[in-house]
Amino acid sequence: ADLVGRGLLALCALSAMVAVAEGATRVAAAPAEWVLTEFWRTAAYLV
């Protein structure tokens, strides 16, 4: 049970890292007035 639970948590962490990668593309493509907001969101995925 512990291993399955930790595996689920690892998948959650991995999904957040996928969101970081996707967020980096959003930051790069964001209009100037949204760059900080997109960066903040992407940094939150990393956290």
PDB file of all heavy atoms in Angstrom:
ATOM      1  N   ALA A   1       0.838  -1.204   0.000  1.00  0.00           N
ATOM      2  CA  ALA A   1       0.000   0.000   0.000  1.00  0.00           C
ATOM      3  C   ALA A   1       0.869   1.248   0.000  1.00  0.00           C
ATOM      4  O   ALA A   1       0.590   2.219  -0.718  1.00  0.00           O
ATOM      5  CB  ALA A   1      -0.937   0.002   1.212  1.00  0.00           C
ATOM      6  N   ASP A   2       1.929   1.222   0.790  1.00  0.00           N
ATOM      7  CA  ASP A   2       2.845   2.353   0.863  1.00  0.00           C
ATOM      8  C   ASP A   2       3.487   2.612  -0.502  1.00  0.00           C
ATOM      9  O   ASP A   2       3.572   3.765  -0.949  1.00  0.00           O
ATOM     10  CB  ASP A   2       3.913   2.092   1.930  1.00  0.00           C
ATOM     11  CG  ASP A   2       4.715   3.323   2.258  1.00  0.00           C
ATOM     12  OD1 ASP A   2       4.119   4.360   2.606  1.00  0.00           O
ATOM     13  OD2 ASP A   2       5.959   3.257   2.189  1.00  0.00           O
ATOM     14  N   LEU A   3       3.910   1.562  -1.183  1.00  0.00           N
ATOM     15  CA  LEU A   3       4.546   1.724  -2.491  1.00  0.00           C
ATOM     16  C   LEU A   3       3.561   2.261  -3.533  1.00  0.00           C
ATOM     17  O   LEU A   3       3.918   3.121  -4.344  1.00  0.00           O
ATOM     18  CB  LEU A   3       5.148   0.398  -2.962  1.00  0.00           C
ATOM     19  CG  LEU A   3       6.392  -0.057  -2.207  1.00  0.00           C
ATOM     20  CD1 LEU A   3       6.813  -1.462  -2.661  1.00  0.00           C
ATOM     21  CD2 LEU A   3       7.532   0.932  -2.381  1.00  0.00           C
ATOM     22  N   VAL A   4       2.325   1.771  -3.509  1.00  0.00           N
ATOM     23  CA  VAL A   4       1.317   2.275  -4.451  1.00  0.00           C
ATOM     24  C   VAL A   4       1.033   3.752  -4.154  1.00  0.00           C
ATOM     25  O   VAL A   4       0.954   4.576  -5.073  1.00  0.00           O
ATOM     26  CB  VAL A   4       0.023   1.431  -4.402  1.00  0.00           C
ATOM     27  CG1 VAL A   4      -1.094   2.094  -5.191  1.00  0.00           C
ATOM     28  CG2 VAL A   4       0.289   0.019  -4.921  1.00  0.00           C
ATOM     29  N   GLY A   5       0.887   4.094  -2.886  1.00  0.00           N
ATOM     30  CA  GLY A   5       0.641   5.485  -2.511  1.00  0.00           C
ATOM     31  C   GLY A   5       1.771   6.399  -2.941  1.00  0.00           C
ATOM     32  O   GLY A   5       1.540   7.475  -3.516  1.00  0.00           O
ATOM     33  N   ARG A   6       2.991   5.961  -2.692  1.00  0.00           N
ATOM     34  CA  ARG A   6       4.143   6.768  -3.107  1.00  0.00           C
ATOM     35  C   ARG A   6       4.223   6.867  -4.624  1.00  0.00           C
ATOM     36  O   ARG A   6       4.630   7.893  -5.169  1.00  0.00           O
ATOM     37  CB  ARG A   6       5.431   6.194  -2.529  1.00  0.00           C
ATOM     38  CG  ARG A   6       5.564   6.395  -1.032  1.00  0.00           C
ATOM     39  CD  ARG A   6       6.836   5.755  -0.503  1.00  0.00           C
ATOM     40  NE  ARG A   6       6.849   5.682   0.940  1.00  0.00           N
ATOM     41  CZ  ARG A   6       7.857   6.127   1.691  1.00  0.00           C
ATOM     42  NH1 ARG A   6       8.909   6.684   1.143  1.00  0.00           N
ATOM     43  NH2 ARG A   6       7.800   6.010   3.001  1.00  0.00           N
ATOM     44  N   GLY A   7       3.828   5.798  -5.314  1.00  0.00           N
ATOM     45  CA  GLY A   7       3.799   5.832  -6.780  1.00  0.00           C
ATOM     46  C   GLY A   7       2.805   6.865  -7.294  1.00  0.00           C
ATOM     47  O   GLY A   7       3.092   7.593  -8.249  1.00  0.00           O
ATOM     48  N   LEU A   8       1.635   6.925  -6.649  1.00  0.00           N
ATOM     49  CA  LEU A   8       0.646   7.944  -7.032  1.00  0.00           C
ATOM     50  C   LEU A   8       1.203   9.349  -6.814  1.00  0.00           C
ATOM     51  O   LEU A   8       1.013  10.243  -7.655  1.00  0.00           O
ATOM     52  CB  LEU A   8      -0.640   7.771  -6.231  1.00  0.00           C
ATOM     53  CG  LEU A   8      -1.534   6.605  -6.627  1.00  0.00           C
ATOM     54  CD1 LEU A   8      -2.644   6.417  -5.596  1.00  0.00           C
ATOM     55  CD2 LEU A   8      -2.111   6.834  -8.006  1.00  0.00           C
ATOM     56  N   LEU A   9       1.886   9.541  -5.697  1.00  0.00           N
ATOM     57  CA  LEU A   9       2.479  10.858  -5.419  1.00  0.00           C
ATOM     58  C   LEU A   9       3.563  11.194  -6.442  1.00  0.00           C
ATOM     59  O   LEU A   9       3.678  12.345  -6.874  1.00  0.00           O
ATOM     60  CB  LEU A   9       3.051  10.882  -4.000  1.00  0.00           C
ATOM     61  CG  LEU A   9       2.028  10.765  -2.879  1.00  0.00           C
ATOM     62  CD1 LEU A   9       2.722  10.494  -1.548  1.00  0.00           C
ATOM     63  CD2 LEU A   9       1.159  12.005  -2.800  1.00  0.00           C
ATOM     64  N   ALA A  10       4.335  10.194  -6.839  1.00  0.00           N
ATOM     65  CA  ALA A  10       5.371  10.413  -7.852  1.00  0.00           C
ATOM     66  C   ALA A  10       4.734  10.800  -9.189  1.00  0.00           C
ATOM     67  O   ALA A  10       5.250  11.679  -9.895  1.00  0.00           O
ATOM     68  CB  ALA A  10       6.238   9.169  -8.005  1.00  0.00           C
ATOM     69  N   LEU A  11       3.606  10.173  -9.519  1.00  0.00           N
ATOM     70  CA  LEU A  11       2.895  10.555 -10.746  1.00  0.00           C
ATOM     71  C   LEU A  11       2.380  11.989 -10.667  1.00  0.00           C
ATOM     72  O   LEU A  11       2.408  12.718 -11.663  1.00  0.00           O
ATOM     73  CB  LEU A  11       1.738   9.595 -11.017  1.00  0.00           C
ATOM     74  CG  LEU A  11       2.126   8.223 -11.549  1.00  0.00           C
ATOM     75  CD1 LEU A  11       0.906   7.311 -11.608  1.00  0.00           C
ATOM     76  CD2 LEU A  11       2.781   8.336 -12.919  1.00  0.00           C
ATOM     77  N   CYS A  12       1.916  12.381  -9.496  1.00  0.00           N
ATOM     78  CA  CYS A  12       1.479  13.776  -9.311  1.00  0.00           C
ATOM     79  C   CYS A  12       2.652  14.730  -9.518  1.00  0.00           C
ATOM     80  O   CYS A  12       2.512  15.759 -10.205  1.00  0.00           O
ATOM     81  CB  CYS A  12       0.885  13.970  -7.910  1.00  0.00           C
ATOM     82  SG  CYS A  12      -0.694  13.154  -7.642  1.00  0.00           S
ATOM     83  N   ALA A  13       3.804  14.388  -8.954  1.00  0.00           N
ATOM     84  CA  ALA A  13       4.996  15.229  -9.116  1.00  0.00           C
ATOM     85  C   ALA A  13       5.403  15.298 -10.582  1.00  0.00           C
ATOM     86  O   ALA A  13       5.729  16.374 -11.103  1.00  0.00           O
ATOM     87  CB  ALA A  13       6.147  14.699  -8.260  1.00  0.00           C
ATOM     88  N   LEU A  14       5.365  14.166 -11.250  1.00  0.00           N
ATOM     89  CA  LEU A  14       5.719  14.123 -12.671  1.00  0.00           C
ATOM     90  C   LEU A  14       4.752  14.958 -13.500  1.00  0.00           C
ATOM     91  O   LEU A  14       5.163  15.704 -14.398  1.00  0.00           O
ATOM     92  CB  LEU A  14       5.731  12.679 -13.162  1.00  0.00           C
ATOM     93  CG  LEU A  14       6.126  12.462 -14.612  1.00  0.00           C
ATOM     94  CD1 LEU A  14       7.542  12.959 -14.878  1.00  0.00           C
ATOM     95  CD2 LEU A  14       6.012  10.987 -14.965  1.00  0.00           C
ATOM     96  N   SER A  15       3.462  14.878 -13.190  1.00  0.00           N
ATOM     97  CA  SER A  15       2.484  15.677 -13.934  1.00  0.00           C
ATOM     98  C   SER A  15       2.730  17.172 -13.725  1.00  0.00           C
ATOM     99  O   SER A  15       2.551  17.974 -14.646  1.00  0.00           O
ATOM    100  CB  SER A  15       1.052  15.300 -13.550  1.00  0.00           C
ATOM    101  OG  SER A  15       0.728  15.774 -12.270  1.00  0.00           O
ATOM    102  N   ALA A  16       3.157  17.542 -12.532  1.00  0.00           N
ATOM    103  CA  ALA A  16       3.468  18.951 -12.277  1.00  0.00           C
ATOM    104  C   ALA A  16       4.688  19.384 -13.090  1.00  0.00           C
ATOM    105  O   ALA A  16       4.737  20.520 -13.576  1.00  0.00           O
ATOM    106  CB  ALA A  16       3.689  19.183 -10.789  1.00  0.00           C
ATOM    107  N   MET A  17       5.646  18.477 -13.260  1.00  0.00           N
ATOM    108  CA  MET A  17       6.820  18.820 -14.074  1.00  0.00           C
ATOM    109  C   MET A  17       6.442  18.961 -15.551  1.00  0.00           C
ATOM    110  O   MET A  17       7.005  19.797 -16.256  1.00  0.00           O
ATOM    111  CB  MET A  17       7.927  17.770 -13.885  1.00  0.00           C
ATOM    112  CG  MET A  17       8.585  17.838 -12.525  1.00  0.00           C
ATOM    113  SD  MET A  17       9.211  19.494 -12.094  1.00  0.00           S
ATOM    114  CE  MET A  17      10.447  19.738 -13.354  1.00  0.00           C
ATOM    115  N   VAL A  18       5.492  18.171 -16.014  1.00  0.00           N
ATOM    116  CA  VAL A  18       4.980  18.335 -17.382  1.00  0.00           C
ATOM    117  C   VAL A  18       4.334  19.713 -17.508  1.00  0.00           C
ATOM    118  O   VAL A  18       4.529  20.416 -18.509  1.00  0.00           O
ATOM    119  CB  VAL A  18       3.983  17.209 -17.735  1.00  0.00           C
ATOM    120  CG1 VAL A  18       3.240  17.517 -19.031  1.00  0.00           C
ATOM    121  CG2 VAL A  18       4.710  15.867 -17.829  1.00  0.00           C
ATOM    122  N   ALA A  19       3.600  20.123 -16.465  1.00  0.00           N
ATOM    123  CA  ALA A  19       2.982  21.453 -16.474  1.00  0.00           C
ATOM    124  C   ALA A  19       4.043  22.550 -16.475  1.00  0.00           C
ATOM    125  O   ALA A  19       3.836  23.613 -17.081  1.00  0.00           O
ATOM    126  CB  ALA A  19       2.048  21.605 -15.279  1.00  0.00           C
ATOM    127  N   VAL A  20       5.189  22.314 -15.821  1.00  0.00           N
ATOM    128  CA  VAL A  20       6.282  23.293 -15.846  1.00  0.00           C
ATOM    129  C   VAL A  20       6.777  23.466 -17.276  1.00  0.00           C
ATOM    130  O   VAL A  20       6.963  24.596 -17.757  1.00  0.00           O
ATOM    131  CB  VAL A  20       7.446  22.867 -14.916  1.00  0.00           C
ATOM    132  CG1 VAL A  20       8.677  23.726 -15.149  1.00  0.00           C
ATOM    133  CG2 VAL A  20       7.018  22.940 -13.456  1.00  0.00           C
ATOM    134  N   ALA A  21       6.966  22.357 -17.977  1.00  0.00           N
ATOM    135  CA  ALA A  21       7.435  22.427 -19.363  1.00  0.00           C
ATOM    136  C   ALA A  21       6.421  23.149 -20.246  1.00  0.00           C
ATOM    137  O   ALA A  21       6.785  24.003 -21.069  1.00  0.00           O
ATOM    138  CB  ALA A  21       7.705  21.024 -19.890  1.00  0.00           C
ATOM    139  N   GLU A  22       5.141  22.815 -20.074  1.00  0.00           N
ATOM    140  CA  GLU A  22       4.094  23.495 -20.838  1.00  0.00           C
ATOM    141  C   GLU A  22       4.048  24.980 -20.474  1.00  0.00           C
ATOM    142  O   GLU A  22       3.868  25.845 -21.335  1.00  0.00           O
ATOM    143  CB  GLU A  22       2.739  22.847 -20.556  1.00  0.00           C
ATOM    144  CG  GLU A  22       1.616  23.453 -21.350  1.00  0.00           C
ATOM    145  CD  GLU A  22       0.251  22.859 -21.006  1.00  0.00           C
ATOM    146  OE1 GLU A  22       0.184  21.832 -20.316  1.00  0.00           O
ATOM    147  OE2 GLU A  22      -0.748  23.452 -21.436  1.00  0.00           O
ATOM    148  N   GLY A  23       4.223  25.277 -19.189  1.00  0.00           N
ATOM    149  CA  GLY A  23       4.207  26.662 -18.735  1.00  0.00           C
ATOM    150  C   GLY A  23       5.335  27.485 -19.328  1.00  0.00           C
ATOM    151  O   GLY A  23       5.163  28.677 -19.618  1.00  0.00           O
ATOM    152  N   ALA A  24       6.492  26.856 -19.513  1.00  0.00           N
ATOM    153  CA  ALA A  24       7.628  27.574 -20.101  1.00  0.00           C
ATOM    154  C   ALA A  24       7.284  28.045 -21.509  1.00  0.00           C
ATOM    155  O   ALA A  24       7.649  29.164 -21.904  1.00  0.00           O
ATOM    156  CB  ALA A  24       8.860  26.684 -20.117  1.00  0.00           C
ATOM    157  N   THR A  25       6.544  27.231 -22.249  1.00  0.00           N
ATOM    158  CA  THR A  25       6.142  27.654 -23.593  1.00  0.00           C
ATOM    159  C   THR A  25       5.110  28.782 -23.523  1.00  0.00           C
ATOM    160  O   THR A  25       5.107  29.673 -24.368  1.00  0.00           O
ATOM    161  CB  THR A  25       5.579  26.473 -24.420  1.00  0.00           C
ATOM    162  OG1 THR A  25       4.399  25.974 -23.798  1.00  0.00           O
ATOM    163  CG2 THR A  25       6.598  25.350 -24.556  1.00  0.00           C
ATOM    164  N   ARG A  26       4.253  28.734 -22.490  1.00  0.00           N
ATOM    165  CA  ARG A  26       3.278  29.824 -22.320  1.00  0.00           C
ATOM    166  C   ARG A  26       3.955  31.137 -21.974  1.00  0.00           C
ATOM    167  O   ARG A  26       3.552  32.195 -22.440  1.00  0.00           O
ATOM    168  CB  ARG A  26       2.280  29.470 -21.210  1.00  0.00           C
ATOM    169  CG  ARG A  26       1.244  28.495 -21.621  1.00  0.00           C
ATOM    170  CD  ARG A  26       0.214  28.367 -20.531  1.00  0.00           C
ATOM    171  NE  ARG A  26      -0.706  27.308 -20.825  1.00  0.00           N
ATOM    172  CZ  ARG A  26      -1.513  26.755 -19.945  1.00  0.00           C
ATOM    173  NH1 ARG A  26      -1.515  27.186 -18.703  1.00  0.00           N
ATOM    174  NH2 ARG A  26      -2.309  25.786 -20.291  1.00  0.00           N
ATOM    175  N   VAL A  27       4.977  31.067 -21.124  1.00  0.00           N
ATOM    176  CA  VAL A  27       5.721  32.273 -20.755  1.00  0.00           C
ATOM    177  C   VAL A  27       6.365  32.875 -22.005  1.00  0.00           C
ATOM    178  O   VAL A  27       6.286  34.081 -22.243  1.00  0.00           O
ATOM    179  CB  VAL A  27       6.789  31.976 -19.679  1.00  0.00           C
ATOM    180  CG1 VAL A  27       7.703  33.171 -19.459  1.00  0.00           C
ATOM    181  CG2 VAL A  27       6.133  31.569 -18.363  1.00  0.00           C
ATOM    182  N   ALA A  28       6.973  32.015 -22.801  1.00  0.00           N
ATOM    183  CA  ALA A  28       7.652  32.493 -24.011  1.00  0.00           C
ATOM    184  C   ALA A  28       6.680  33.111 -25.012  1.00  0.00           C
ATOM    185  O   ALA A  28       7.045  34.056 -25.729  1.00  0.00           O
ATOM    186  CB  ALA A  28       8.415  31.344 -24.665  1.00  0.00           C
ATOM    187  N   ALA A  29       5.448  32.605 -25.061  1.00  0.00           N
ATOM    188  CA  ALA A  29       4.471  33.088 -26.041  1.00  0.00           C
ATOM    189  C   ALA A  29       3.541  34.166 -25.488  1.00  0.00           C
ATOM    190  O   ALA A  29       2.753  34.740 -26.239  1.00  0.00           O
ATOM    191  CB  ALA A  29       3.630  31.911 -26.538  1.00  0.00           C
ATOM    192  N   ALA A  30       3.635  34.463 -24.213  1.00  0.00           N
ATOM    193  CA  ALA A  30       2.694  35.402 -23.585  1.00  0.00           C
ATOM    194  C   ALA A  30       2.957  36.844 -24.013  1.00  0.00           C
ATOM    195  O   ALA A  30       4.104  37.249 -24.182  1.00  0.00           O
ATOM    196  CB  ALA A  30       2.788  35.299 -22.072  1.00  0.00           C
ATOM    197  N   PRO A  31       1.879  37.616 -24.149  1.00  0.00           N
ATOM    198  CA  PRO A  31       2.062  39.050 -24.380  1.00  0.00           C
ATOM    199  C   PRO A  31       2.734  39.669 -23.142  1.00  0.00           C
ATOM    200  O   PRO A  31       2.616  39.128 -22.038  1.00  0.00           O
ATOM    201  CB  PRO A  31       0.640  39.585 -24.554  1.00  0.00           C
ATOM    202  CG  PRO A  31      -0.291  38.439 -24.450  1.00  0.00           C
ATOM    203  CD  PRO A  31       0.487  37.217 -24.114  1.00  0.00           C
ATOM    204  N   ALA A  32       3.386  40.764 -23.322  1.00  0.00           N
ATOM    205  CA  ALA A  32       4.174  41.376 -22.251  1.00  0.00           C
ATOM    206  C   ALA A  32       3.387  41.558 -20.957  1.00  0.00           C
ATOM    207  O   ALA A  32       3.922  41.327 -19.861  1.00  0.00           O
ATOM    208  CB  ALA A  32       4.725  42.725 -22.716  1.00  0.00           C
ATOM    209  N   GLU A  33       2.115  41.930 -21.057  1.00  0.00           N
ATOM    210  CA  GLU A  33       1.332  42.167 -19.836  1.00  0.00           C
ATOM    211  C   GLU A  33       0.969  40.880 -19.092  1.00  0.00           C
ATOM    212  O   GLU A  33       0.497  40.941 -17.955  1.00  0.00           O
ATOM    213  CB  GLU A  33       0.069  42.984 -20.140  1.00  0.00           C
ATOM    214  CG  GLU A  33      -0.920  42.305 -21.058  1.00  0.00           C
ATOM    215  CD  GLU A  33      -0.673  42.601 -22.539  1.00  0.00           C
ATOM    216  OE1 GLU A  33       0.413  43.081 -22.901  1.00  0.00           O
ATOM    217  OE2 GLU A  33      -1.584  42.338 -23.331  1.00  0.00           O
ATOM    218  N   TRP A  34       1.189  39.722 -19.709  1.00  0.00           N
ATOM    219  CA  TRP A  34       0.858  38.438 -19.059  1.00  0.00           C
ATOM    220  C   TRP A  34       2.085  37.595 -18.727  1.00  0.00           C
ATOM    221  O   TRP A  34       1.953  36.508 -18.141  1.00  0.00           O
ATOM    222  CB  TRP A  34      -0.087  37.628 -19.945  1.00  0.00           C
ATOM    223  CG  TRP A  34      -1.456  38.220 -19.976  1.00  0.00           C
ATOM    224  CD1 TRP A  34      -2.017  38.964 -20.967  1.00  0.00           C
ATOM    225  CD2 TRP A  34      -2.422  38.160 -18.931  1.00  0.00           C
ATOM    226  NE1 TRP A  34      -3.279  39.370 -20.615  1.00  0.00           N
ATOM    227  CE2 TRP A  34      -3.552  38.880 -19.360  1.00  0.00           C
ATOM    228  CE3 TRP A  34      -2.451  37.570 -17.669  1.00  0.00           C
ATOM    229  CZ2 TRP A  34      -4.698  39.025 -18.576  1.00  0.00           C
ATOM    230  CZ3 TRP A  34      -3.590  37.712 -16.892  1.00  0.00           C
ATOM    231  CH2 TRP A  34      -4.688  38.438 -17.347  1.00  0.00           C
ATOM    232  N   VAL A  35       3.278  38.057 -19.064  1.00  0.00           N
ATOM    233  CA  VAL A  35       4.496  37.271 -18.825  1.00  0.00           C
ATOM    234  C   VAL A  35       4.658  36.946 -17.342  1.00  0.00           C
ATOM    235  O   VAL A  35       4.913  35.792 -16.970  1.00  0.00           O
ATOM    236  CB  VAL A  35       5.747  37.987 -19.381  1.00  0.00           C
ATOM    237  CG1 VAL A  35       7.032  37.318 -18.901  1.00  0.00           C
ATOM    238  CG2 VAL A  35       5.709  38.006 -20.896  1.00  0.00           C
ATOM    239  N   LEU A  36       4.506  37.941 -16.488  1.00  0.00           N
ATOM    240  CA  LEU A  36       4.690  37.694 -15.060  1.00  0.00           C
ATOM    241  C   LEU A  36       3.654  36.713 -14.516  1.00  0.00           C
ATOM    242  O   LEU A  36       3.974  35.817 -13.737  1.00  0.00           O
ATOM    243  CB  LEU A  36       4.648  39.009 -14.272  1.00  0.00           C
ATOM    244  CG  LEU A  36       4.901  38.875 -12.761  1.00  0.00           C
ATOM    245  CD1 LEU A  36       6.251  38.210 -12.489  1.00  0.00           C
ATOM    246  CD2 LEU A  36       4.820  40.216 -12.087  1.00  0.00           C
ATOM    247  N   THR A  37       2.403  36.855 -14.937  1.00  0.00           N
ATOM    248  CA  THR A  37       1.351  35.946 -14.487  1.00  0.00           C
ATOM    249  C   THR A  37       1.645  34.520 -14.929  1.00  0.00           C
ATOM    250  O   THR A  37       1.532  33.567 -14.143  1.00  0.00           O
ATOM    251  CB  THR A  37      -0.017  36.391 -15.034  1.00  0.00           C
ATOM    252  OG1 THR A  37      -0.291  37.701 -14.557  1.00  0.00           O
ATOM    253  CG2 THR A  37      -1.124  35.441 -14.613  1.00  0.00           C
ATOM    254  N   GLU A  38       2.040  34.329 -16.178  1.00  0.00           N
ATOM    255  CA  GLU A  38       2.366  32.985 -16.675  1.00  0.00           C
ATOM    256  C   GLU A  38       3.597  32.423 -15.982  1.00  0.00           C
ATOM    257  O   GLU A  38       3.662  31.233 -15.683  1.00  0.00           O
ATOM    258  CB  GLU A  38       2.554  32.999 -18.195  1.00  0.00           C
ATOM    259  CG  GLU A  38       1.279  33.212 -18.968  1.00  0.00           C
ATOM    260  CD  GLU A  38       0.233  32.131 -18.749  1.00  0.00           C
ATOM    261  OE1 GLU A  38       0.585  30.980 -18.400  1.00  0.00           O
ATOM    262  OE2 GLU A  38      -0.965  32.431 -18.921  1.00  0.00           O
ATOM    263  N   PHE A  39       4.584  33.282 -15.712  1.00  0.00           N
ATOM    264  CA  PHE A  39       5.774  32.822 -14.997  1.00  0.00           C
ATOM    265  C   PHE A  39       5.409  32.398 -13.578  1.00  0.00           C
ATOM    266  O   PHE A  39       5.865  31.364 -13.084  1.00  0.00           O
ATOM    267  CB  PHE A  39       6.855  33.908 -14.957  1.00  0.00           C
ATOM    268  CG  PHE A  39       8.063  33.451 -14.201  1.00  0.00           C
ATOM    269  CD1 PHE A  39       9.014  32.652 -14.815  1.00  0.00           C
ATOM    270  CD2 PHE A  39       8.236  33.776 -12.862  1.00  0.00           C
ATOM    271  CE1 PHE A  39      10.118  32.190 -14.108  1.00  0.00           C
ATOM    272  CE2 PHE A  39       9.328  33.313 -12.147  1.00  0.00           C
ATOM    273  CZ  PHE A  39      10.280  32.526 -12.784  1.00  0.00           C
ATOM    274  N   TRP A  40       4.574  33.188 -12.904  1.00  0.00           N
ATOM    275  CA  TRP A  40       4.146  32.866 -11.545  1.00  0.00           C
ATOM    276  C   TRP A  40       3.447  31.516 -11.517  1.00  0.00           C
ATOM    277  O   TRP A  40       3.702  30.681 -10.654  1.00  0.00           O
ATOM    278  CB  TRP A  40       3.214  33.980 -11.036  1.00  0.00           C
ATOM    279  CG  TRP A  40       2.724  33.769  -9.651  1.00  0.00           C
ATOM    280  CD1 TRP A  40       3.328  34.158  -8.505  1.00  0.00           C
ATOM    281  CD2 TRP A  40       1.512  33.116  -9.255  1.00  0.00           C
ATOM    282  NE1 TRP A  40       2.579  33.787  -7.417  1.00  0.00           N
ATOM    283  CE2 TRP A  40       1.451  33.140  -7.855  1.00  0.00           C
ATOM    284  CE3 TRP A  40       0.472  32.513  -9.963  1.00  0.00           C
ATOM    285  CZ2 TRP A  40       0.399  32.580  -7.148  1.00  0.00           C
ATOM    286  CZ3 TRP A  40      -0.576  31.956  -9.248  1.00  0.00           C
ATOM    287  CH2 TRP A  40      -0.595  32.003  -7.855  1.00  0.00           C
ATOM    288  N   ARG A  41       2.561  31.290 -12.472  1.00  0.00           N
ATOM    289  CA  ARG A  41       1.836  30.015 -12.550  1.00  0.00           C
ATOM    290  C   ARG A  41       2.807  28.863 -12.782  1.00  0.00           C
ATOM    291  O   ARG A  41       2.715  27.811 -12.161  1.00  0.00           O
ATOM    292  CB  ARG A  41       0.806  30.081 -13.675  1.00  0.00           C
ATOM    293  CG  ARG A  41      -0.004  28.811 -13.792  1.00  0.00           C
ATOM    294  CD  ARG A  41      -0.942  28.785 -14.965  1.00  0.00           C
ATOM    295  NE  ARG A  41      -1.278  30.067 -15.523  1.00  0.00           N
ATOM    296  CZ  ARG A  41      -2.439  30.381 -16.027  1.00  0.00           C
ATOM    297  NH1 ARG A  41      -3.415  29.502 -16.035  1.00  0.00           N
ATOM    298  NH2 ARG A  41      -2.659  31.563 -16.543  1.00  0.00           N
ATOM    299  N   THR A  42       3.759  29.060 -13.674  1.00  0.00           N
ATOM    300  CA  THR A  42       4.734  28.012 -13.980  1.00  0.00           C
ATOM    301  C   THR A  42       5.607  27.717 -12.764  1.00  0.00           C
ATOM    302  O   THR A  42       5.888  26.546 -12.465  1.00  0.00           O
ATOM    303  CB  THR A  42       5.590  28.430 -15.191  1.00  0.00           C
ATOM    304  OG1 THR A  42       4.704  28.641 -16.304  1.00  0.00           O
ATOM    305  CG2 THR A  42       6.601  27.368 -15.548  1.00  0.00           C
ATOM    306  N   ALA A  43       6.017  28.745 -12.044  1.00  0.00           N
ATOM    307  CA  ALA A  43       6.804  28.533 -10.826  1.00  0.00           C
ATOM    308  C   ALA A  43       5.992  27.784  -9.774  1.00  0.00           C
ATOM    309  O   ALA A  43       6.529  26.941  -9.039  1.00  0.00           O
ATOM    310  CB  ALA A  43       7.288  29.877 -10.279  1.00  0.00           C
ATOM    311  N   ALA A  44       4.694  28.031  -9.724  1.00  0.00           N
ATOM    312  CA  ALA A  44       3.828  27.312  -8.780  1.00  0.00           C
ATOM    313  C   ALA A  44       3.791  25.824  -9.102  1.00  0.00           C
ATOM    314  O   ALA A  44       3.777  24.983  -8.188  1.00  0.00           O
ATOM    315  CB  ALA A  44       2.424  27.905  -8.790  1.00  0.00           C
ATOM    316  N   TYR A  45       3.775  25.467 -10.378  1.00  0.00           N
ATOM    317  CA  TYR A  45       3.821  24.047 -10.751  1.00  0.00           C
ATOM    318  C   TYR A  45       5.099  23.404 -10.216  1.00  0.00           C
ATOM    319  O   TYR A  45       5.089  22.260  -9.745  1.00  0.00           O
ATOM    320  CB  TYR A  45       3.775  23.866 -12.270  1.00  0.00           C
ATOM    321  CG  TYR A  45       2.497  24.312 -12.935  1.00  0.00           C
ATOM    322  CD1 TYR A  45       2.535  24.976 -14.159  1.00  0.00           C
ATOM    323  CD2 TYR A  45       1.249  24.067 -12.377  1.00  0.00           C
ATOM    324  CE1 TYR A  45       1.382  25.378 -14.801  1.00  0.00           C
ATOM    325  CE2 TYR A  45       0.084  24.465 -13.007  1.00  0.00           C
ATOM    326  CZ  TYR A  45       0.155  25.116 -14.221  1.00  0.00           C
ATOM    327  OH  TYR A  45      -0.990  25.527 -14.848  1.00  0.00           O
ATOM    328  N   LEU A  46       6.193  24.129 -10.296  1.00  0.00           N
ATOM    329  CA  LEU A  46       7.474  23.619  -9.788  1.00  0.00           C
ATOM    330  C   LEU A  46       7.406  23.403  -8.271  1.00  0.00           C
ATOM    331  O   LEU A  46       7.889  22.394  -7.749  1.00  0.00           O
ATOM    332  CB  LEU A  46       8.601  24.591 -10.150  1.00  0.00           C
ATOM    333  CG  LEU A  46      10.017  24.134  -9.852  1.00  0.00           C
ATOM    334  CD1 LEU A  46      10.339  22.846 -10.607  1.00  0.00           C
ATOM    335  CD2 LEU A  46      10.997  25.231 -10.236  1.00  0.00           C
ATOM    336  N   VAL A  47       6.782  24.329  -7.561  1.00  0.00           N
ATOM    337  CA  VAL A  47       6.611  24.188  -6.111  1.00  0.00           C
ATOM    338  C   VAL A  47       5.760  22.962  -5.795  1.00  0.00           C
ATOM    339  O   VAL A  47       6.086  22.174  -4.893  1.00  0.00           O
ATOM    340  CB  VAL A  47       6.001  25.471  -5.493  1.00  0.00           C
ATOM    341  CG1 VAL A  47       5.604  25.246  -4.050  1.00  0.00           C
ATOM    342  CG2 VAL A  47       6.987  26.632  -5.617  1.00  0.00           C
TER     343      VAL A  47
END
